[in-house]
Amino acid sequence: MPTPATVTAKMIMELIERQRFRCALSGRELTPENASLDHIVPLSRGGTHEISNLWVVDQQVNAAKSTLTVEEFVAMCREITVRHAKSP
């Protein structure tokens, strides 16, 4: 059985710095109160717990994304935007 990948606090901090303290999906400013670690490819979809499969997003964005892939989440957001724009 393979050894689980180790993700350290230092690696996460470097990731946040590379993202310029912005949510990887929405661009919202990240703070200690709203930052949430997210698997780009969800573990439930075969993603791994490695730094290359992680990014930091706003916790509301992460809750909305849930176990969707990035493509599914973006498509859903577009659909909502289009429907909302058509509303009176």
Protein backbone atom coordinates (compact mmCIF):
# COMPACT_ATOMS: atom_id res chain seq x y z
CA MET A 1 0.00 0.00 0.00
CA PRO A 2 1.47 3.43 -0.94
CA THR A 3 2.49 5.85 1.78
CA PRO A 4 0.15 8.87 2.02
CA ALA A 5 1.64 12.13 0.77
CA THR A 6 2.72 14.61 3.39
CA VAL A 7 1.52 18.18 3.06
CA THR A 8 3.15 20.54 5.53
CA ALA A 9 2.06 23.93 6.86
CA LYS A 10 5.10 25.43 5.10
CA MET A 11 3.96 23.99 1.77
CA ILE A 12 0.47 25.40 2.28
CA MET A 13 1.84 28.83 3.19
CA GLU A 14 4.01 28.81 0.05
CA LEU A 15 0.90 27.89 -1.95
CA ILE A 16 -1.05 30.81 -0.47
CA GLU A 17 1.85 33.15 -1.26
CA ARG A 18 2.01 31.90 -4.87
CA GLN A 19 -1.70 32.62 -5.11
CA ARG A 20 -0.98 36.14 -3.82
CA PHE A 21 -3.39 35.61 -0.92
CA ARG A 22 -6.31 35.26 -3.37
CA CYS A 23 -8.85 32.48 -3.81
CA ALA A 24 -7.75 30.27 -6.69
CA LEU A 25 -11.29 30.18 -8.10
CA SER A 26 -12.96 33.51 -7.29
CA GLY A 27 -10.05 35.85 -6.73
CA ARG A 28 -11.45 36.86 -3.34
CA GLU A 29 -8.91 37.97 -0.77
CA LEU A 30 -7.89 35.14 1.56
CA THR A 31 -7.75 35.68 5.30
CA PRO A 32 -7.17 33.21 8.12
CA GLU A 33 -10.94 33.32 8.72
CA ASN A 34 -12.04 32.45 5.16
CA ALA A 35 -9.17 30.39 3.70
CA SER A 36 -9.96 26.75 2.96
CA LEU A 37 -7.72 24.05 1.52
CA ASP A 38 -9.34 22.32 -1.47
CA HIS A 39 -8.46 19.35 -3.64
CA ILE A 40 -8.46 20.42 -7.29
CA VAL A 41 -9.49 16.90 -8.28
CA PRO A 42 -11.65 15.78 -5.34
CA LEU A 43 -10.47 12.73 -3.42
CA SER A 44 -13.86 11.16 -4.18
CA ARG A 45 -13.05 11.54 -7.89
CA GLY A 46 -9.62 9.92 -7.67
CA GLY A 47 -7.60 12.98 -6.69
CA THR A 48 -4.61 12.69 -4.41
CA HIS A 49 -3.68 14.45 -1.19
CA GLU A 50 -0.52 15.98 -2.65
CA ILE A 51 0.44 19.63 -2.87
CA SER A 52 0.16 19.48 -6.67
CA ASN A 53 -3.56 18.68 -6.27
CA LEU A 54 -4.25 21.39 -3.69
CA TRP A 55 -5.13 25.04 -3.80
CA VAL A 56 -6.55 27.50 -1.33
CA VAL A 57 -10.01 28.89 -1.90
CA ASP A 58 -12.56 30.97 -0.02
CA GLN A 59 -14.50 28.67 2.32
CA GLN A 60 -17.86 29.66 0.75
CA VAL A 61 -16.49 28.78 -2.68
CA ASN A 62 -15.22 25.45 -1.33
CA ALA A 63 -18.61 24.66 0.20
CA ALA A 64 -20.33 25.44 -3.11
CA LYS A 65 -17.81 23.40 -5.13
CA SER A 66 -18.15 20.42 -2.80
CA THR A 67 -17.17 17.29 -4.75
CA LEU A 68 -17.54 18.83 -8.20
CA THR A 69 -14.61 18.97 -10.56
CA VAL A 70 -13.39 22.44 -11.50
CA GLU A 71 -15.06 22.12 -14.90
CA GLU A 72 -18.38 21.07 -13.36
CA PHE A 73 -18.24 23.89 -10.82
CA VAL A 74 -17.45 26.56 -13.43
CA ALA A 75 -20.23 25.24 -15.69
CA MET A 76 -22.68 25.40 -12.79
CA CYS A 77 -21.63 28.97 -11.98
CA ARG A 78 -22.09 29.98 -15.62
CA GLU A 79 -25.53 28.40 -15.70
CA ILE A 80 -26.55 30.29 -12.57
CA THR A 81 -25.17 33.55 -13.97
CA VAL A 82 -27.07 33.13 -17.23
CA ARG A 83 -30.33 32.25 -15.48
CA HIS A 84 -29.94 35.09 -13.01
CA ALA A 85 -29.23 37.59 -15.80
CA LYS A 86 -32.52 36.57 -17.48
CA SER A 87 -34.53 37.10 -14.29
CA PRO A 88 -36.75 40.21 -14.14
